Amino acid sequence: MVPVEVGLQRASARRGTGTPDRFEAEDIKFHEGLRDAYRQIAAAEPQRCVLIDADADAGTVAARVWSAVRDRFPSFDVSKMANLA
């Protein structure tokens, strides 16, 4: 997860001059509430949900995601998914 402001800045950069979608158009309080709700779900169900620190470059975030997948599914062969990383 990233701070709400960072996520909104990233969305804006991806969008460029396009119109914000219905989620991007929501105010910061909405996004903070949504972030808090996901954090609560992850805390309540750690075997089902993982919070990934996404405040890094894409390669680092991808490595964190694959690490979480390997931790939860040890028999999963990540090498077969290399084209997705």
PDB file of N, CA and C in Angstrom:
ATOM      1  N   MET A   1       0.840  -1.171   0.000  1.00  0.00           N
ATOM      2  CA  MET A   1       0.000   0.000   0.000  1.00  0.00           C
ATOM      3  C   MET A   1       0.891   1.242   0.000  1.00  0.00           C
ATOM      4  N   VAL A   2       0.324   2.285  -0.481  1.00  0.00           N
ATOM      5  CA  VAL A   2       1.025   3.572  -0.495  1.00  0.00           C
ATOM      6  C   VAL A   2       0.136   4.613   0.166  1.00  0.00           C
ATOM      7  N   PRO A   3       0.716   5.695   0.618  1.00  0.00           N
ATOM      8  CA  PRO A   3      -0.125   6.777   1.131  1.00  0.00           C
ATOM      9  C   PRO A   3      -1.133   7.222   0.068  1.00  0.00           C
ATOM     10  N   VAL A   4      -2.279   7.653   0.516  1.00  0.00           N
ATOM     11  CA  VAL A   4      -3.355   8.060  -0.397  1.00  0.00           C
ATOM     12  C   VAL A   4      -2.867   9.102  -1.393  1.00  0.00           C
ATOM     13  N   GLU A   5      -2.127  10.076  -0.927  1.00  0.00           N
ATOM     14  CA  GLU A   5      -1.654  11.141  -1.812  1.00  0.00           C
ATOM     15  C   GLU A   5      -0.778  10.578  -2.938  1.00  0.00           C
ATOM     16  N   VAL A   6       0.054   9.620  -2.604  1.00  0.00           N
ATOM     17  CA  VAL A   6       0.933   9.013  -3.613  1.00  0.00           C
ATOM     18  C   VAL A   6       0.092   8.264  -4.647  1.00  0.00           C
ATOM     19  N   GLY A   7      -0.877   7.493  -4.184  1.00  0.00           N
ATOM     20  CA  GLY A   7      -1.743   6.763  -5.108  1.00  0.00           C
ATOM     21  C   GLY A   7      -2.499   7.683  -6.048  1.00  0.00           C
ATOM     22  N   LEU A   8      -3.017   8.775  -5.500  1.00  0.00           N
ATOM     23  CA  LEU A   8      -3.747   9.723  -6.335  1.00  0.00           C
ATOM     24  C   LEU A   8      -2.828  10.416  -7.337  1.00  0.00           C
ATOM     25  N   GLN A   9      -1.595  10.717  -6.924  1.00  0.00           N
ATOM     26  CA  GLN A   9      -0.631  11.326  -7.852  1.00  0.00           C
ATOM     27  C   GLN A   9      -0.284  10.362  -8.979  1.00  0.00           C
ATOM     28  N   ARG A  10      -0.118   9.077  -8.629  1.00  0.00           N
ATOM     29  CA  ARG A  10       0.187   8.073  -9.652  1.00  0.00           C
ATOM     30  C   ARG A  10      -0.975   7.941 -10.637  1.00  0.00           C
ATOM     31  N   ALA A  11      -2.182   7.912 -10.120  1.00  0.00           N
ATOM     32  CA  ALA A  11      -3.357   7.811 -10.991  1.00  0.00           C
ATOM     33  C   ALA A  11      -3.436   9.008 -11.927  1.00  0.00           C
ATOM     34  N   SER A  12      -3.170  10.179 -11.397  1.00  0.00           N
ATOM     35  CA  SER A  12      -3.205  11.392 -12.207  1.00  0.00           C
ATOM     36  C   SER A  12      -2.143  11.348 -13.303  1.00  0.00           C
ATOM     37  N   ALA A  13      -0.957  10.874 -12.965  1.00  0.00           N
ATOM     38  CA  ALA A  13       0.125  10.782 -13.954  1.00  0.00           C
ATOM     39  C   ALA A  13      -0.224   9.784 -15.059  1.00  0.00           C
ATOM     40  N   ARG A  14      -0.834   8.648 -14.689  1.00  0.00           N
ATOM     41  CA  ARG A  14      -1.239   7.655 -15.689  1.00  0.00           C
ATOM     42  C   ARG A  14      -2.332   8.213 -16.595  1.00  0.00           C
ATOM     43  N   ARG A  15      -3.246   8.946 -16.003  1.00  0.00           N
ATOM     44  CA  ARG A  15      -4.401   9.481 -16.723  1.00  0.00           C
ATOM     45  C   ARG A  15      -4.003  10.595 -17.678  1.00  0.00           C
ATOM     46  N   GLY A  16      -3.010  11.378 -17.303  1.00  0.00           N
ATOM     47  CA  GLY A  16      -2.605  12.511 -18.131  1.00  0.00           C
ATOM     48  C   GLY A  16      -3.710  13.552 -18.180  1.00  0.00           C
ATOM     49  N   THR A  17      -4.127  13.909 -19.378  1.00  0.00           N
ATOM     50  CA  THR A  17      -5.153  14.936 -19.532  1.00  0.00           C
ATOM     51  C   THR A  17      -6.571  14.349 -19.560  1.00  0.00           C
ATOM     52  N   GLY A  18      -6.674  13.024 -19.406  1.00  0.00           N
ATOM     53  CA  GLY A  18      -7.988  12.379 -19.430  1.00  0.00           C
ATOM     54  C   GLY A  18      -8.824  12.727 -18.206  1.00  0.00           C
ATOM     55  N   THR A  19     -10.085  12.396 -18.282  1.00  0.00           N
ATOM     56  CA  THR A  19     -11.024  12.650 -17.199  1.00  0.00           C
ATOM     57  C   THR A  19     -10.851  11.612 -16.100  1.00  0.00           C
ATOM     58  N   PRO A  20     -10.840  12.031 -14.831  1.00  0.00           N
ATOM     59  CA  PRO A  20     -10.751  11.055 -13.729  1.00  0.00           C
ATOM     60  C   PRO A  20     -11.934  10.088 -13.769  1.00  0.00           C
ATOM     61  N   ASP A  21     -11.666   8.808 -13.459  1.00  0.00           N
ATOM     62  CA  ASP A  21     -12.770   7.858 -13.371  1.00  0.00           C
ATOM     63  C   ASP A  21     -13.544   8.120 -12.070  1.00  0.00           C
ATOM     64  N   ARG A  22     -14.575   7.340 -11.816  1.00  0.00           N
ATOM     65  CA  ARG A  22     -15.436   7.653 -10.671  1.00  0.00           C
ATOM     66  C   ARG A  22     -14.708   7.509  -9.342  1.00  0.00           C
ATOM     67  N   PHE A  23     -13.712   6.615  -9.243  1.00  0.00           N
ATOM     68  CA  PHE A  23     -12.953   6.499  -8.002  1.00  0.00           C
ATOM     69  C   PHE A  23     -11.944   7.640  -7.862  1.00  0.00           C
ATOM     70  N   GLU A  24     -11.260   7.944  -8.941  1.00  0.00           N
ATOM     71  CA  GLU A  24     -10.288   9.035  -8.898  1.00  0.00           C
ATOM     72  C   GLU A  24     -10.948  10.365  -8.585  1.00  0.00           C
ATOM     73  N   ALA A  25     -12.200  10.512  -8.955  1.00  0.00           N
ATOM     74  CA  ALA A  25     -12.925  11.765  -8.737  1.00  0.00           C
ATOM     75  C   ALA A  25     -13.361  11.946  -7.281  1.00  0.00           C
ATOM     76  N   GLU A  26     -13.308  10.890  -6.492  1.00  0.00           N
ATOM     77  CA  GLU A  26     -13.695  10.981  -5.075  1.00  0.00           C
ATOM     78  C   GLU A  26     -12.670  11.816  -4.308  1.00  0.00           C
ATOM     79  N   ASP A  27     -13.113  12.408  -3.189  1.00  0.00           N
ATOM     80  CA  ASP A  27     -12.207  13.237  -2.391  1.00  0.00           C
ATOM     81  C   ASP A  27     -11.260  12.375  -1.549  1.00  0.00           C
ATOM     82  N   ILE A  28     -10.292  13.032  -0.951  1.00  0.00           N
ATOM     83  CA  ILE A  28      -9.248  12.327  -0.207  1.00  0.00           C
ATOM     84  C   ILE A  28      -9.806  11.553   0.995  1.00  0.00           C
ATOM     85  N   LYS A  29     -10.839  12.071   1.622  1.00  0.00           N
ATOM     86  CA  LYS A  29     -11.454  11.358   2.764  1.00  0.00           C
ATOM     87  C   LYS A  29     -11.984   9.998   2.322  1.00  0.00           C
ATOM     88  N   PHE A  30     -12.591   9.925   1.145  1.00  0.00           N
ATOM     89  CA  PHE A  30     -13.086   8.659   0.608  1.00  0.00           C
ATOM     90  C   PHE A  30     -11.925   7.680   0.477  1.00  0.00           C
ATOM     91  N   HIS A  31     -10.833   8.128  -0.124  1.00  0.00           N
ATOM     92  CA  HIS A  31      -9.684   7.246  -0.357  1.00  0.00           C
ATOM     93  C   HIS A  31      -9.025   6.818   0.955  1.00  0.00           C
ATOM     94  N   GLU A  32      -8.969   7.710   1.920  1.00  0.00           N
ATOM     95  CA  GLU A  32      -8.423   7.341   3.228  1.00  0.00           C
ATOM     96  C   GLU A  32      -9.298   6.282   3.888  1.00  0.00           C
ATOM     97  N   GLY A  33     -10.611   6.440   3.796  1.00  0.00           N
ATOM     98  CA  GLY A  33     -11.526   5.449   4.357  1.00  0.00           C
ATOM     99  C   GLY A  33     -11.400   4.103   3.676  1.00  0.00           C
ATOM    100  N   LEU A  34     -11.256   4.111   2.366  1.00  0.00           N
ATOM    101  CA  LEU A  34     -11.085   2.880   1.605  1.00  0.00           C
ATOM    102  C   LEU A  34      -9.777   2.186   1.989  1.00  0.00           C
ATOM    103  N   ARG A  35      -8.714   2.955   2.096  1.00  0.00           N
ATOM    104  CA  ARG A  35      -7.406   2.403   2.490  1.00  0.00           C
ATOM    105  C   ARG A  35      -7.488   1.797   3.888  1.00  0.00           C
ATOM    106  N   ASP A  36      -8.125   2.507   4.811  1.00  0.00           N
ATOM    107  CA  ASP A  36      -8.281   1.992   6.175  1.00  0.00           C
ATOM    108  C   ASP A  36      -9.088   0.695   6.189  1.00  0.00           C
ATOM    109  N   ALA A  37     -10.133   0.634   5.379  1.00  0.00           N
ATOM    110  CA  ALA A  37     -10.966  -0.572   5.321  1.00  0.00           C
ATOM    111  C   ALA A  37     -10.159  -1.769   4.818  1.00  0.00           C
ATOM    112  N   TYR A  38      -9.344  -1.570   3.783  1.00  0.00           N
ATOM    113  CA  TYR A  38      -8.512  -2.671   3.281  1.00  0.00           C
ATOM    114  C   TYR A  38      -7.471  -3.089   4.316  1.00  0.00           C
ATOM    115  N   ARG A  39      -6.935  -2.143   5.048  1.00  0.00           N
ATOM    116  CA  ARG A  39      -5.967  -2.476   6.098  1.00  0.00           C
ATOM    117  C   ARG A  39      -6.633  -3.296   7.204  1.00  0.00           C
ATOM    118  N   GLN A  40      -7.865  -2.958   7.538  1.00  0.00           N
ATOM    119  CA  GLN A  40      -8.606  -3.708   8.555  1.00  0.00           C
ATOM    120  C   GLN A  40      -8.885  -5.137   8.087  1.00  0.00           C
ATOM    121  N   ILE A  41      -9.271  -5.293   6.832  1.00  0.00           N
ATOM    122  CA  ILE A  41      -9.502  -6.632   6.283  1.00  0.00           C
ATOM    123  C   ILE A  41      -8.217  -7.452   6.352  1.00  0.00           C
ATOM    124  N   ALA A  42      -7.111  -6.862   5.943  1.00  0.00           N
ATOM    125  CA  ALA A  42      -5.826  -7.578   5.963  1.00  0.00           C
ATOM    126  C   ALA A  42      -5.421  -7.955   7.380  1.00  0.00           C
ATOM    127  N   ALA A  43      -5.676  -7.084   8.341  1.00  0.00           N
ATOM    128  CA  ALA A  43      -5.328  -7.385   9.743  1.00  0.00           C
ATOM    129  C   ALA A  43      -6.217  -8.499  10.289  1.00  0.00           C
ATOM    130  N   ALA A  44      -7.474  -8.505   9.894  1.00  0.00           N
ATOM    131  CA  ALA A  44      -8.413  -9.508  10.391  1.00  0.00           C
ATOM    132  C   ALA A  44      -8.224 -10.866   9.722  1.00  0.00           C
ATOM    133  N   GLU A  45      -7.686 -10.873   8.505  1.00  0.00           N
ATOM    134  CA  GLU A  45      -7.546 -12.117   7.746  1.00  0.00           C
ATOM    135  C   GLU A  45      -6.150 -12.243   7.137  1.00  0.00           C
ATOM    136  N   PRO A  46      -5.123 -12.350   7.986  1.00  0.00           N
ATOM    137  CA  PRO A  46      -3.749 -12.365   7.466  1.00  0.00           C
ATOM    138  C   PRO A  46      -3.415 -13.587   6.608  1.00  0.00           C
ATOM    139  N   GLN A  47      -4.140 -14.668   6.781  1.00  0.00           N
ATOM    140  CA  GLN A  47      -3.884 -15.844   5.948  1.00  0.00           C
ATOM    141  C   GLN A  47      -4.465 -15.677   4.546  1.00  0.00           C
ATOM    142  N   ARG A  48      -5.379 -14.730   4.389  1.00  0.00           N
ATOM    143  CA  ARG A  48      -6.030 -14.498   3.100  1.00  0.00           C
ATOM    144  C   ARG A  48      -5.518 -13.240   2.400  1.00  0.00           C
ATOM    145  N   CYS A  49      -5.112 -12.247   3.176  1.00  0.00           N
ATOM    146  CA  CYS A  49      -4.739 -10.947   2.607  1.00  0.00           C
ATOM    147  C   CYS A  49      -3.339 -10.541   3.033  1.00  0.00           C
ATOM    148  N   VAL A  50      -2.639  -9.901   2.119  1.00  0.00           N
ATOM    149  CA  VAL A  50      -1.287  -9.420   2.385  1.00  0.00           C
ATOM    150  C   VAL A  50      -1.206  -7.964   1.968  1.00  0.00           C
ATOM    151  N   LEU A  51      -0.630  -7.146   2.815  1.00  0.00           N
ATOM    152  CA  LEU A  51      -0.357  -5.767   2.442  1.00  0.00           C
ATOM    153  C   LEU A  51       1.033  -5.716   1.822  1.00  0.00           C
ATOM    154  N   ILE A  52       1.119  -5.149   0.650  1.00  0.00           N
ATOM    155  CA  ILE A  52       2.389  -5.017  -0.056  1.00  0.00           C
ATOM    156  C   ILE A  52       2.779  -3.543  -0.045  1.00  0.00           C
ATOM    157  N   ASP A  53       3.981  -3.266   0.414  1.00  0.00           N
ATOM    158  CA  ASP A  53       4.497  -1.900   0.368  1.00  0.00           C
ATOM    159  C   ASP A  53       4.781  -1.578  -1.095  1.00  0.00           C
ATOM    160  N   ALA A  54       3.984  -0.722  -1.671  1.00  0.00           N
ATOM    161  CA  ALA A  54       4.103  -0.395  -3.088  1.00  0.00           C
ATOM    162  C   ALA A  54       4.777   0.955  -3.315  1.00  0.00           C
ATOM    163  N   ASP A  55       5.449   1.466  -2.297  1.00  0.00           N
ATOM    164  CA  ASP A  55       6.121   2.756  -2.405  1.00  0.00           C
ATOM    165  C   ASP A  55       7.569   2.536  -2.842  1.00  0.00           C
ATOM    166  N   ALA A  56       7.705   1.921  -4.036  1.00  0.00           N
ATOM    167  CA  ALA A  56       9.018   1.615  -4.600  1.00  0.00           C
ATOM    168  C   ALA A  56       8.844   1.505  -6.119  1.00  0.00           C
ATOM    169  N   ASP A  57       9.943   1.226  -6.807  1.00  0.00           N
ATOM    170  CA  ASP A  57       9.851   1.063  -8.257  1.00  0.00           C
ATOM    171  C   ASP A  57       9.085  -0.221  -8.589  1.00  0.00           C
ATOM    172  N   ALA A  58       8.625  -0.323  -9.829  1.00  0.00           N
ATOM    173  CA  ALA A  58       7.771  -1.442 -10.247  1.00  0.00           C
ATOM    174  C   ALA A  58       8.446  -2.800 -10.042  1.00  0.00           C
ATOM    175  N   GLY A  59       9.735  -2.909 -10.318  1.00  0.00           N
ATOM    176  CA  GLY A  59      10.439  -4.185 -10.156  1.00  0.00           C
ATOM    177  C   GLY A  59      10.475  -4.642  -8.710  1.00  0.00           C
ATOM    178  N   THR A  60      10.699  -3.709  -7.800  1.00  0.00           N
ATOM    179  CA  THR A  60      10.728  -4.030  -6.372  1.00  0.00           C
ATOM    180  C   THR A  60       9.349  -4.456  -5.887  1.00  0.00           C
ATOM    181  N   VAL A  61       8.326  -3.745  -6.324  1.00  0.00           N
ATOM    182  CA  VAL A  61       6.962  -4.095  -5.923  1.00  0.00           C
ATOM    183  C   VAL A  61       6.599  -5.476  -6.471  1.00  0.00           C
ATOM    184  N   ALA A  62       6.944  -5.747  -7.721  1.00  0.00           N
ATOM    185  CA  ALA A  62       6.671  -7.057  -8.305  1.00  0.00           C
ATOM    186  C   ALA A  62       7.370  -8.158  -7.513  1.00  0.00           C
ATOM    187  N   ALA A  63       8.607  -7.932  -7.119  1.00  0.00           N
ATOM    188  CA  ALA A  63       9.337  -8.926  -6.324  1.00  0.00           C
ATOM    189  C   ALA A  63       8.644  -9.165  -4.990  1.00  0.00           C
ATOM    190  N   ARG A  64       8.115  -8.122  -4.377  1.00  0.00           N
ATOM    191  CA  ARG A  64       7.393  -8.263  -3.111  1.00  0.00           C
ATOM    192  C   ARG A  64       6.114  -9.076  -3.298  1.00  0.00           C
ATOM    193  N   VAL A  65       5.432  -8.831  -4.405  1.00  0.00           N
ATOM    194  CA  VAL A  65       4.206  -9.590  -4.688  1.00  0.00           C
ATOM    195  C   VAL A  65       4.536 -11.063  -4.875  1.00  0.00           C
ATOM    196  N   TRP A  66       5.537 -11.362  -5.707  1.00  0.00           N
ATOM    197  CA  TRP A  66       5.899 -12.763  -5.943  1.00  0.00           C
ATOM    198  C   TRP A  66       6.390 -13.432  -4.666  1.00  0.00           C
ATOM    199  N   SER A  67       7.077 -12.703  -3.815  1.00  0.00           N
ATOM    200  CA  SER A  67       7.512 -13.258  -2.533  1.00  0.00           C
ATOM    201  C   SER A  67       6.302 -13.650  -1.685  1.00  0.00           C
ATOM    202  N   ALA A  68       5.289 -12.808  -1.662  1.00  0.00           N
ATOM    203  CA  ALA A  68       4.067 -13.114  -0.905  1.00  0.00           C
ATOM    204  C   ALA A  68       3.361 -14.337  -1.489  1.00  0.00           C
ATOM    205  N   VAL A  69       3.356 -14.449  -2.812  1.00  0.00           N
ATOM    206  CA  VAL A  69       2.739 -15.617  -3.463  1.00  0.00           C
ATOM    207  C   VAL A  69       3.495 -16.876  -3.072  1.00  0.00           C
ATOM    208  N   ARG A  70       4.822 -16.836  -3.160  1.00  0.00           N
ATOM    209  CA  ARG A  70       5.640 -18.015  -2.797  1.00  0.00           C
ATOM    210  C   ARG A  70       5.447 -18.404  -1.339  1.00  0.00           C
ATOM    211  N   ASP A  71       5.347 -17.414  -0.449  1.00  0.00           N
ATOM    212  CA  ASP A  71       5.158 -17.705   0.973  1.00  0.00           C
ATOM    213  C   ASP A  71       3.839 -18.427   1.223  1.00  0.00           C
ATOM    214  N   ARG A  72       2.813 -18.077   0.478  1.00  0.00           N
ATOM    215  CA  ARG A  72       1.488 -18.652   0.706  1.00  0.00           C
ATOM    216  C   ARG A  72       1.226 -19.910  -0.109  1.00  0.00           C
ATOM    217  N   PHE A  73       1.925 -20.047  -1.225  1.00  0.00           N
ATOM    218  CA  PHE A  73       1.743 -21.201  -2.108  1.00  0.00           C
ATOM    219  C   PHE A  73       3.110 -21.777  -2.458  1.00  0.00           C
ATOM    220  N   PRO A  74       3.747 -22.460  -1.504  1.00  0.00           N
ATOM    221  CA  PRO A  74       5.127 -22.925  -1.713  1.00  0.00           C
ATOM    222  C   PRO A  74       5.309 -23.832  -2.930  1.00  0.00           C
ATOM    223  N   SER A  75       4.271 -24.544  -3.340  1.00  0.00           N
ATOM    224  CA  SER A  75       4.422 -25.442  -4.492  1.00  0.00           C
ATOM    225  C   SER A  75       4.174 -24.732  -5.822  1.00  0.00           C
ATOM    226  N   PHE A  76       3.800 -23.454  -5.769  1.00  0.00           N
ATOM    227  CA  PHE A  76       3.550 -22.673  -6.976  1.00  0.00           C
ATOM    228  C   PHE A  76       4.867 -22.399  -7.682  1.00  0.00           C
ATOM    229  N   ASP A  77       4.932 -22.685  -8.970  1.00  0.00           N
ATOM    230  CA  ASP A  77       6.158 -22.478  -9.742  1.00  0.00           C
ATOM    231  C   ASP A  77       6.139 -21.081 -10.369  1.00  0.00           C
ATOM    232  N   VAL A  78       6.779 -20.147  -9.701  1.00  0.00           N
ATOM    233  CA  VAL A  78       6.807 -18.762 -10.153  1.00  0.00           C
ATOM    234  C   VAL A  78       7.497 -18.640 -11.509  1.00  0.00           C
ATOM    235  N   SER A  79       8.428 -19.524 -11.810  1.00  0.00           N
ATOM    236  CA  SER A  79       9.168 -19.409 -13.069  1.00  0.00           C
ATOM    237  C   SER A  79       8.243 -19.528 -14.283  1.00  0.00           C
ATOM    238  N   LYS A  80       7.126 -20.207 -14.132  1.00  0.00           N
ATOM    239  CA  LYS A  80       6.167 -20.331 -15.240  1.00  0.00           C
ATOM    240  C   LYS A  80       5.421 -19.022 -15.460  1.00  0.00           C
ATOM    241  N   MET A  81       5.490 -18.124 -14.484  1.00  0.00           N
ATOM    242  CA  MET A  81       4.795 -16.854 -14.574  1.00  0.00           C
ATOM    243  C   MET A  81       5.759 -15.706 -14.855  1.00  0.00           C
ATOM    244  N   ALA A  82       6.958 -15.980 -15.240  1.00  0.00           N
ATOM    245  CA  ALA A  82       7.997 -14.955 -15.410  1.00  0.00           C
ATOM    246  C   ALA A  82       7.573 -13.845 -16.357  1.00  0.00           C
ATOM    247  N   ASN A  83       6.776 -14.166 -17.365  1.00  0.00           N
ATOM    248  CA  ASN A  83       6.378 -13.130 -18.305  1.00  0.00           C
ATOM    249  C   ASN A  83       5.393 -12.136 -17.693  1.00  0.00           C
ATOM    250  N   LEU A  84       4.867 -12.422 -16.504  1.00  0.00           N
ATOM    251  CA  LEU A  84       3.951 -11.506 -15.829  1.00  0.00           C
ATOM    252  C   LEU A  84       4.677 -10.575 -14.878  1.00  0.00           C
ATOM    253  N   ALA A  85       5.881 -10.938 -14.502  1.00  0.00           N
ATOM    254  CA  ALA A  85       6.621 -10.138 -13.515  1.00  0.00           C
ATOM    255  C   ALA A  85       7.170  -8.876 -14.120  1.00  0.00           C
TER     256      ALA A  85
END
